[in-house]
Amino acid sequence: MPLAIEKPYTPSELAELWNLSPSKVRELFADESGVIRIGEPSRRQGKKLTRAYCTLRIPESVAIRSMPGSAPVRNDALDMRFV
């Protein structure tokens, strides 16, 4: 499915569906290709480090491809059962 019409999930939404913490979902998708990252990287201004704030949106196809555990069987939307 083209990324433009897929539902993007937040880390919190996937965490609830997969019974994981939002921080674990962010960790899983930190370097995954296809994830939409909104924000700026951290930067240094003199001796002061400005913290990076980044919002993740995870397209459905990327979530399915990267789902932890065994092979998922697709049901409705992202309601998946493990085989």
PDB file of N, CA and C in Angstrom:
ATOM      1  N   MET A   1       0.844  -1.177   0.000  1.00  0.00           N
ATOM      2  CA  MET A   1       0.000   0.000   0.000  1.00  0.00           C
ATOM      3  C   MET A   1       0.887   1.238   0.000  1.00  0.00           C
ATOM      4  N   PRO A   2       0.605   2.260  -0.797  1.00  0.00           N
ATOM      5  CA  PRO A   2       1.423   3.472  -0.811  1.00  0.00           C
ATOM      6  C   PRO A   2       1.413   4.159   0.556  1.00  0.00           C
ATOM      7  N   LEU A   3       2.562   4.715   0.929  1.00  0.00           N
ATOM      8  CA  LEU A   3       2.677   5.360   2.234  1.00  0.00           C
ATOM      9  C   LEU A   3       1.700   6.506   2.406  1.00  0.00           C
ATOM     10  N   ALA A   4       1.306   7.174   1.302  1.00  0.00           N
ATOM     11  CA  ALA A   4       0.434   8.334   1.397  1.00  0.00           C
ATOM     12  C   ALA A   4      -0.965   7.985   1.919  1.00  0.00           C
ATOM     13  N   ILE A   5      -1.435   6.754   1.724  1.00  0.00           N
ATOM     14  CA  ILE A   5      -2.783   6.408   2.166  1.00  0.00           C
ATOM     15  C   ILE A   5      -2.804   5.423   3.330  1.00  0.00           C
ATOM     16  N   GLU A   6      -1.662   5.042   3.836  1.00  0.00           N
ATOM     17  CA  GLU A   6      -1.605   4.149   4.988  1.00  0.00           C
ATOM     18  C   GLU A   6      -1.841   4.928   6.266  1.00  0.00           C
ATOM     19  N   LYS A   7      -2.407   4.260   7.251  1.00  0.00           N
ATOM     20  CA  LYS A   7      -2.574   4.882   8.551  1.00  0.00           C
ATOM     21  C   LYS A   7      -1.232   4.900   9.265  1.00  0.00           C
ATOM     22  N   PRO A   8      -0.777   6.073   9.694  1.00  0.00           N
ATOM     23  CA  PRO A   8       0.442   6.120  10.495  1.00  0.00           C
ATOM     24  C   PRO A   8       0.096   5.950  11.975  1.00  0.00           C
ATOM     25  N   TYR A   9       0.840   5.109  12.665  1.00  0.00           N
ATOM     26  CA  TYR A   9       0.620   4.854  14.082  1.00  0.00           C
ATOM     27  C   TYR A   9       1.653   5.589  14.915  1.00  0.00           C
ATOM     28  N   THR A  10       1.253   6.003  16.095  1.00  0.00           N
ATOM     29  CA  THR A  10       2.200   6.584  17.043  1.00  0.00           C
ATOM     30  C   THR A  10       2.825   5.438  17.843  1.00  0.00           C
ATOM     31  N   PRO A  11       3.968   5.673  18.458  1.00  0.00           N
ATOM     32  CA  PRO A  11       4.550   4.638  19.317  1.00  0.00           C
ATOM     33  C   PRO A  11       3.596   4.210  20.443  1.00  0.00           C
ATOM     34  N   SER A  12       2.816   5.124  20.961  1.00  0.00           N
ATOM     35  CA  SER A  12       1.867   4.781  22.028  1.00  0.00           C
ATOM     36  C   SER A  12       0.766   3.854  21.537  1.00  0.00           C
ATOM     37  N   GLU A  13       0.269   4.090  20.322  1.00  0.00           N
ATOM     38  CA  GLU A  13      -0.771   3.225  19.762  1.00  0.00           C
ATOM     39  C   GLU A  13      -0.251   1.804  19.549  1.00  0.00           C
ATOM     40  N   LEU A  14       0.951   1.686  18.982  1.00  0.00           N
ATOM     41  CA  LEU A  14       1.530   0.357  18.757  1.00  0.00           C
ATOM     42  C   LEU A  14       1.867  -0.320  20.084  1.00  0.00           C
ATOM     43  N   ALA A  15       2.329   0.461  21.048  1.00  0.00           N
ATOM     44  CA  ALA A  15       2.655  -0.104  22.358  1.00  0.00           C
ATOM     45  C   ALA A  15       1.421  -0.728  23.000  1.00  0.00           C
ATOM     46  N   GLU A  16       0.286  -0.070  22.866  1.00  0.00           N
ATOM     47  CA  GLU A  16      -0.950  -0.606  23.427  1.00  0.00           C
ATOM     48  C   GLU A  16      -1.380  -1.878  22.703  1.00  0.00           C
ATOM     49  N   LEU A  17      -1.275  -1.874  21.366  1.00  0.00           N
ATOM     50  CA  LEU A  17      -1.655  -3.051  20.584  1.00  0.00           C
ATOM     51  C   LEU A  17      -0.751  -4.248  20.860  1.00  0.00           C
ATOM     52  N   TRP A  18       0.542  -3.989  21.064  1.00  0.00           N
ATOM     53  CA  TRP A  18       1.520  -5.060  21.211  1.00  0.00           C
ATOM     54  C   TRP A  18       1.897  -5.355  22.660  1.00  0.00           C
ATOM     55  N   ASN A  19       1.262  -4.668  23.611  1.00  0.00           N
ATOM     56  CA  ASN A  19       1.577  -4.838  25.036  1.00  0.00           C
ATOM     57  C   ASN A  19       3.052  -4.577  25.331  1.00  0.00           C
ATOM     58  N   LEU A  20       3.558  -3.485  24.793  1.00  0.00           N
ATOM     59  CA  LEU A  20       4.922  -3.033  25.040  1.00  0.00           C
ATOM     60  C   LEU A  20       4.865  -1.614  25.587  1.00  0.00           C
ATOM     61  N   SER A  21       5.987  -1.117  26.063  1.00  0.00           N
ATOM     62  CA  SER A  21       6.039   0.280  26.486  1.00  0.00           C
ATOM     63  C   SER A  21       6.297   1.162  25.263  1.00  0.00           C
ATOM     64  N   PRO A  22       5.814   2.406  25.283  1.00  0.00           N
ATOM     65  CA  PRO A  22       6.083   3.318  24.166  1.00  0.00           C
ATOM     66  C   PRO A  22       7.577   3.521  23.918  1.00  0.00           C
ATOM     67  N   SER A  23       8.382   3.516  24.985  1.00  0.00           N
ATOM     68  CA  SER A  23       9.825   3.697  24.801  1.00  0.00           C
ATOM     69  C   SER A  23      10.445   2.495  24.073  1.00  0.00           C
ATOM     70  N   LYS A  24       9.929   1.294  24.320  1.00  0.00           N
ATOM     71  CA  LYS A  24      10.426   0.104  23.624  1.00  0.00           C
ATOM     72  C   LYS A  24      10.058   0.175  22.144  1.00  0.00           C
ATOM     73  N   VAL A  25       8.855   0.645  21.821  1.00  0.00           N
ATOM     74  CA  VAL A  25       8.445   0.796  20.427  1.00  0.00           C
ATOM     75  C   VAL A  25       9.332   1.834  19.738  1.00  0.00           C
ATOM     76  N   ARG A  26       9.612   2.958  20.409  1.00  0.00           N
ATOM     77  CA  ARG A  26      10.513   3.969  19.832  1.00  0.00           C
ATOM     78  C   ARG A  26      11.891   3.375  19.563  1.00  0.00           C
ATOM     79  N   GLU A  27      12.373   2.558  20.500  1.00  0.00           N
ATOM     80  CA  GLU A  27      13.671   1.893  20.338  1.00  0.00           C
ATOM     81  C   GLU A  27      13.654   0.947  19.131  1.00  0.00           C
ATOM     82  N   LEU A  28      12.573   0.173  18.978  1.00  0.00           N
ATOM     83  CA  LEU A  28      12.464  -0.775  17.859  1.00  0.00           C
ATOM     84  C   LEU A  28      12.464  -0.069  16.498  1.00  0.00           C
ATOM     85  N   PHE A  29      11.851   1.108  16.427  1.00  0.00           N
ATOM     86  CA  PHE A  29      11.695   1.796  15.156  1.00  0.00           C
ATOM     87  C   PHE A  29      12.662   2.967  14.963  1.00  0.00           C
ATOM     88  N   ALA A  30      13.623   3.128  15.855  1.00  0.00           N
ATOM     89  CA  ALA A  30      14.539   4.269  15.793  1.00  0.00           C
ATOM     90  C   ALA A  30      15.286   4.355  14.461  1.00  0.00           C
ATOM     91  N   ASP A  31      15.760   3.250  13.950  1.00  0.00           N
ATOM     92  CA  ASP A  31      16.548   3.266  12.715  1.00  0.00           C
ATOM     93  C   ASP A  31      15.862   2.517  11.575  1.00  0.00           C
ATOM     94  N   GLU A  32      14.573   2.276  11.701  1.00  0.00           N
ATOM     95  CA  GLU A  32      13.824   1.519  10.687  1.00  0.00           C
ATOM     96  C   GLU A  32      13.516   2.402   9.481  1.00  0.00           C
ATOM     97  N   SER A  33      13.749   1.865   8.285  1.00  0.00           N
ATOM     98  CA  SER A  33      13.440   2.643   7.087  1.00  0.00           C
ATOM     99  C   SER A  33      11.930   2.701   6.892  1.00  0.00           C
ATOM    100  N   GLY A  34      11.451   3.822   6.386  1.00  0.00           N
ATOM    101  CA  GLY A  34      10.032   4.011   6.149  1.00  0.00           C
ATOM    102  C   GLY A  34       9.311   4.727   7.272  1.00  0.00           C
ATOM    103  N   VAL A  35       9.963   4.891   8.435  1.00  0.00           N
ATOM    104  CA  VAL A  35       9.360   5.588   9.567  1.00  0.00           C
ATOM    105  C   VAL A  35       9.469   7.095   9.330  1.00  0.00           C
ATOM    106  N   ILE A  36       8.387   7.805   9.612  1.00  0.00           N
ATOM    107  CA  ILE A  36       8.368   9.258   9.426  1.00  0.00           C
ATOM    108  C   ILE A  36       8.858   9.899  10.710  1.00  0.00           C
ATOM    109  N   ARG A  37       9.925  10.687  10.616  1.00  0.00           N
ATOM    110  CA  ARG A  37      10.510  11.377  11.769  1.00  0.00           C
ATOM    111  C   ARG A  37      10.276  12.868  11.607  1.00  0.00           C
ATOM    112  N   ILE A  38       9.641  13.472  12.612  1.00  0.00           N
ATOM    113  CA  ILE A  38       9.366  14.903  12.583  1.00  0.00           C
ATOM    114  C   ILE A  38      10.111  15.525  13.750  1.00  0.00           C
ATOM    115  N   GLY A  39      10.977  16.488  13.469  1.00  0.00           N
ATOM    116  CA  GLY A  39      11.735  17.136  14.529  1.00  0.00           C
ATOM    117  C   GLY A  39      13.132  17.461  14.073  1.00  0.00           C
ATOM    118  N   GLU A  40      13.935  17.895  15.010  1.00  0.00           N
ATOM    119  CA  GLU A  40      15.311  18.282  14.714  1.00  0.00           C
ATOM    120  C   GLU A  40      16.278  17.469  15.562  1.00  0.00           C
ATOM    121  N   PRO A  41      17.473  17.219  15.015  1.00  0.00           N
ATOM    122  CA  PRO A  41      18.482  16.500  15.805  1.00  0.00           C
ATOM    123  C   PRO A  41      19.021  17.395  16.920  1.00  0.00           C
ATOM    124  N   SER A  42      19.653  16.785  17.910  1.00  0.00           N
ATOM    125  CA  SER A  42      20.268  17.583  18.975  1.00  0.00           C
ATOM    126  C   SER A  42      21.432  18.359  18.376  1.00  0.00           C
ATOM    127  N   ARG A  43      21.717  19.490  18.967  1.00  0.00           N
ATOM    128  CA  ARG A  43      22.821  20.311  18.466  1.00  0.00           C
ATOM    129  C   ARG A  43      23.496  21.010  19.642  1.00  0.00           C
ATOM    130  N   ARG A  44      24.706  21.397  19.406  1.00  0.00           N
ATOM    131  CA  ARG A  44      25.499  22.049  20.433  1.00  0.00           C
ATOM    132  C   ARG A  44      25.614  23.536  20.112  1.00  0.00           C
ATOM    133  N   GLN A  45      25.320  24.365  21.134  1.00  0.00           N
ATOM    134  CA  GLN A  45      25.489  25.807  21.022  1.00  0.00           C
ATOM    135  C   GLN A  45      26.516  26.203  22.075  1.00  0.00           C
ATOM    136  N   GLY A  46      27.751  26.322  21.627  1.00  0.00           N
ATOM    137  CA  GLY A  46      28.825  26.556  22.586  1.00  0.00           C
ATOM    138  C   GLY A  46      29.003  25.320  23.446  1.00  0.00           C
ATOM    139  N   LYS A  47      28.895  25.481  24.767  1.00  0.00           N
ATOM    140  CA  LYS A  47      29.014  24.336  25.674  1.00  0.00           C
ATOM    141  C   LYS A  47      27.659  23.706  25.983  1.00  0.00           C
ATOM    142  N   LYS A  48      26.595  24.362  25.550  1.00  0.00           N
ATOM    143  CA  LYS A  48      25.256  23.883  25.858  1.00  0.00           C
ATOM    144  C   LYS A  48      24.752  22.942  24.763  1.00  0.00           C
ATOM    145  N   LEU A  49      24.226  21.789  25.170  1.00  0.00           N
ATOM    146  CA  LEU A  49      23.659  20.818  24.239  1.00  0.00           C
ATOM    147  C   LEU A  49      22.146  20.975  24.233  1.00  0.00           C
ATOM    148  N   THR A  50      21.584  21.193  23.062  1.00  0.00           N
ATOM    149  CA  THR A  50      20.134  21.295  22.918  1.00  0.00           C
ATOM    150  C   THR A  50      19.584  19.914  22.623  1.00  0.00           C
ATOM    151  N   ARG A  51      18.655  19.470  23.447  1.00  0.00           N
ATOM    152  CA  ARG A  51      18.086  18.128  23.335  1.00  0.00           C
ATOM    153  C   ARG A  51      17.251  18.003  22.065  1.00  0.00           C
ATOM    154  N   ALA A  52      17.316  16.827  21.451  1.00  0.00           N
ATOM    155  CA  ALA A  52      16.535  16.542  20.251  1.00  0.00           C
ATOM    156  C   ALA A  52      15.120  16.135  20.650  1.00  0.00           C
ATOM    157  N   TYR A  53      14.157  16.696  19.967  1.00  0.00           N
ATOM    158  CA  TYR A  53      12.761  16.284  20.126  1.00  0.00           C
ATOM    159  C   TYR A  53      12.320  15.749  18.781  1.00  0.00           C
ATOM    160  N   CYS A  54      11.904  14.507  18.757  1.00  0.00           N
ATOM    161  CA  CYS A  54      11.542  13.859  17.503  1.00  0.00           C
ATOM    162  C   CYS A  54      10.238  13.095  17.691  1.00  0.00           C
ATOM    163  N   THR A  55       9.303  13.335  16.797  1.00  0.00           N
ATOM    164  CA  THR A  55       8.030  12.626  16.799  1.00  0.00           C
ATOM    165  C   THR A  55       8.090  11.549  15.738  1.00  0.00           C
ATOM    166  N   LEU A  56       7.661  10.341  16.081  1.00  0.00           N
ATOM    167  CA  LEU A  56       7.652   9.237  15.120  1.00  0.00           C
ATOM    168  C   LEU A  56       6.230   8.928  14.683  1.00  0.00           C
ATOM    169  N   ARG A  57       6.080   8.649  13.406  1.00  0.00           N
ATOM    170  CA  ARG A  57       4.842   8.111  12.856  1.00  0.00           C
ATOM    171  C   ARG A  57       5.238   6.870  12.074  1.00  0.00           C
ATOM    172  N   ILE A  58       4.613   5.761  12.397  1.00  0.00           N
ATOM    173  CA  ILE A  58       5.005   4.473  11.830  1.00  0.00           C
ATOM    174  C   ILE A  58       3.899   3.981  10.903  1.00  0.00           C
ATOM    175  N   PRO A  59       4.156   3.961   9.584  1.00  0.00           N
ATOM    176  CA  PRO A  59       3.149   3.471   8.645  1.00  0.00           C
ATOM    177  C   PRO A  59       2.803   2.008   8.927  1.00  0.00           C
ATOM    178  N   GLU A  60       1.588   1.635   8.588  1.00  0.00           N
ATOM    179  CA  GLU A  60       1.095   0.289   8.863  1.00  0.00           C
ATOM    180  C   GLU A  60       1.986  -0.792   8.263  1.00  0.00           C
ATOM    181  N   SER A  61       2.446  -0.597   7.022  1.00  0.00           N
ATOM    182  CA  SER A  61       3.278  -1.616   6.374  1.00  0.00           C
ATOM    183  C   SER A  61       4.613  -1.797   7.099  1.00  0.00           C
ATOM    184  N   VAL A  62       5.172  -0.712   7.613  1.00  0.00           N
ATOM    185  CA  VAL A  62       6.430  -0.794   8.361  1.00  0.00           C
ATOM    186  C   VAL A  62       6.187  -1.507   9.693  1.00  0.00           C
ATOM    187  N   ALA A  63       5.065  -1.215  10.338  1.00  0.00           N
ATOM    188  CA  ALA A  63       4.735  -1.869  11.606  1.00  0.00           C
ATOM    189  C   ALA A  63       4.564  -3.371  11.415  1.00  0.00           C
ATOM    190  N   ILE A  64       3.877  -3.764  10.351  1.00  0.00           N
ATOM    191  CA  ILE A  64       3.668  -5.190  10.084  1.00  0.00           C
ATOM    192  C   ILE A  64       4.995  -5.878   9.790  1.00  0.00           C
ATOM    193  N   ARG A  65       5.824  -5.237   8.979  1.00  0.00           N
ATOM    194  CA  ARG A  65       7.118  -5.799   8.595  1.00  0.00           C
ATOM    195  C   ARG A  65       8.046  -5.969   9.802  1.00  0.00           C
ATOM    196  N   SER A  66       7.955  -5.065  10.755  1.00  0.00           N
ATOM    197  CA  SER A  66       8.893  -5.035  11.882  1.00  0.00           C
ATOM    198  C   SER A  66       8.308  -5.551  13.182  1.00  0.00           C
ATOM    199  N   MET A  67       7.146  -6.143  13.125  1.00  0.00           N
ATOM    200  CA  MET A  67       6.469  -6.594  14.334  1.00  0.00           C
ATOM    201  C   MET A  67       7.320  -7.594  15.111  1.00  0.00           C
ATOM    202  N   PRO A  68       7.474  -7.370  16.434  1.00  0.00           N
ATOM    203  CA  PRO A  68       8.258  -8.312  17.230  1.00  0.00           C
ATOM    204  C   PRO A  68       7.518  -9.636  17.393  1.00  0.00           C
ATOM    205  N   GLY A  69       8.253 -10.697  17.590  1.00  0.00           N
ATOM    206  CA  GLY A  69       7.645 -12.007  17.796  1.00  0.00           C
ATOM    207  C   GLY A  69       7.612 -12.815  16.514  1.00  0.00           C
ATOM    208  N   SER A  70       6.721 -13.769  16.469  1.00  0.00           N
ATOM    209  CA  SER A  70       6.633 -14.646  15.302  1.00  0.00           C
ATOM    210  C   SER A  70       5.819 -13.999  14.188  1.00  0.00           C
ATOM    211  N   ALA A  71       5.642 -14.744  13.106  1.00  0.00           N
ATOM    212  CA  ALA A  71       4.952 -14.224  11.926  1.00  0.00           C
ATOM    213  C   ALA A  71       3.512 -13.857  12.255  1.00  0.00           C
ATOM    214  N   PRO A  72       3.111 -12.607  11.974  1.00  0.00           N
ATOM    215  CA  PRO A  72       1.747 -12.195  12.273  1.00  0.00           C
ATOM    216  C   PRO A  72       0.763 -12.651  11.198  1.00  0.00           C
ATOM    217  N   VAL A  73      -0.476 -12.873  11.615  1.00  0.00           N
ATOM    218  CA  VAL A  73      -1.561 -13.157  10.684  1.00  0.00           C
ATOM    219  C   VAL A  73      -2.439 -11.927  10.704  1.00  0.00           C
ATOM    220  N   ARG A  74      -2.598 -11.300   9.560  1.00  0.00           N
ATOM    221  CA  ARG A  74      -3.325 -10.045   9.510  1.00  0.00           C
ATOM    222  C   ARG A  74      -4.825 -10.272   9.658  1.00  0.00           C
ATOM    223  N   ASN A  75      -5.426  -9.539  10.589  1.00  0.00           N
ATOM    224  CA  ASN A  75      -6.866  -9.526  10.760  1.00  0.00           C
ATOM    225  C   ASN A  75      -7.345  -8.136  10.354  1.00  0.00           C
ATOM    226  N   ASP A  76      -8.105  -7.463  11.099  1.00  0.00           N
ATOM    227  CA  ASP A  76      -8.627  -6.146  10.746  1.00  0.00           C
ATOM    228  C   ASP A  76      -7.634  -5.060  11.172  1.00  0.00           C
ATOM    229  N   ALA A  77      -7.272  -4.162  10.230  1.00  0.00           N
ATOM    230  CA  ALA A  77      -6.318  -3.062  10.453  1.00  0.00           C
ATOM    231  C   ALA A  77      -5.026  -3.619  11.056  1.00  0.00           C
ATOM    232  N   LEU A  78      -4.734  -3.262  12.305  1.00  0.00           N
ATOM    233  CA  LEU A  78      -3.486  -3.730  12.919  1.00  0.00           C
ATOM    234  C   LEU A  78      -3.789  -4.680  14.080  1.00  0.00           C
ATOM    235  N   ASP A  79      -4.992  -5.228  14.116  1.00  0.00           N
ATOM    236  CA  ASP A  79      -5.365  -6.202  15.129  1.00  0.00           C
ATOM    237  C   ASP A  79      -4.803  -7.542  14.702  1.00  0.00           C
ATOM    238  N   MET A  80      -3.657  -7.920  15.236  1.00  0.00           N
ATOM    239  CA  MET A  80      -2.954  -9.122  14.774  1.00  0.00           C
ATOM    240  C   MET A  80      -2.891 -10.172  15.859  1.00  0.00           C
ATOM    241  N   ARG A  81      -2.911 -11.372  15.443  1.00  0.00           N
ATOM    242  CA  ARG A  81      -2.769 -12.513  16.337  1.00  0.00           C
ATOM    243  C   ARG A  81      -1.482 -13.234  15.943  1.00  0.00           C
ATOM    244  N   PHE A  82      -0.780 -13.758  16.915  1.00  0.00           N
ATOM    245  CA  PHE A  82       0.447 -14.486  16.623  1.00  0.00           C
ATOM    246  C   PHE A  82       0.130 -15.945  16.340  1.00  0.00           C
ATOM    247  N   VAL A  83       0.837 -16.485  15.384  1.00  0.00           N
ATOM    248  CA  VAL A  83       0.646 -17.881  14.992  1.00  0.00           C
ATOM    249  C   VAL A  83       1.473 -18.756  15.892  1.00  0.00           C
TER     250      VAL A  83
END
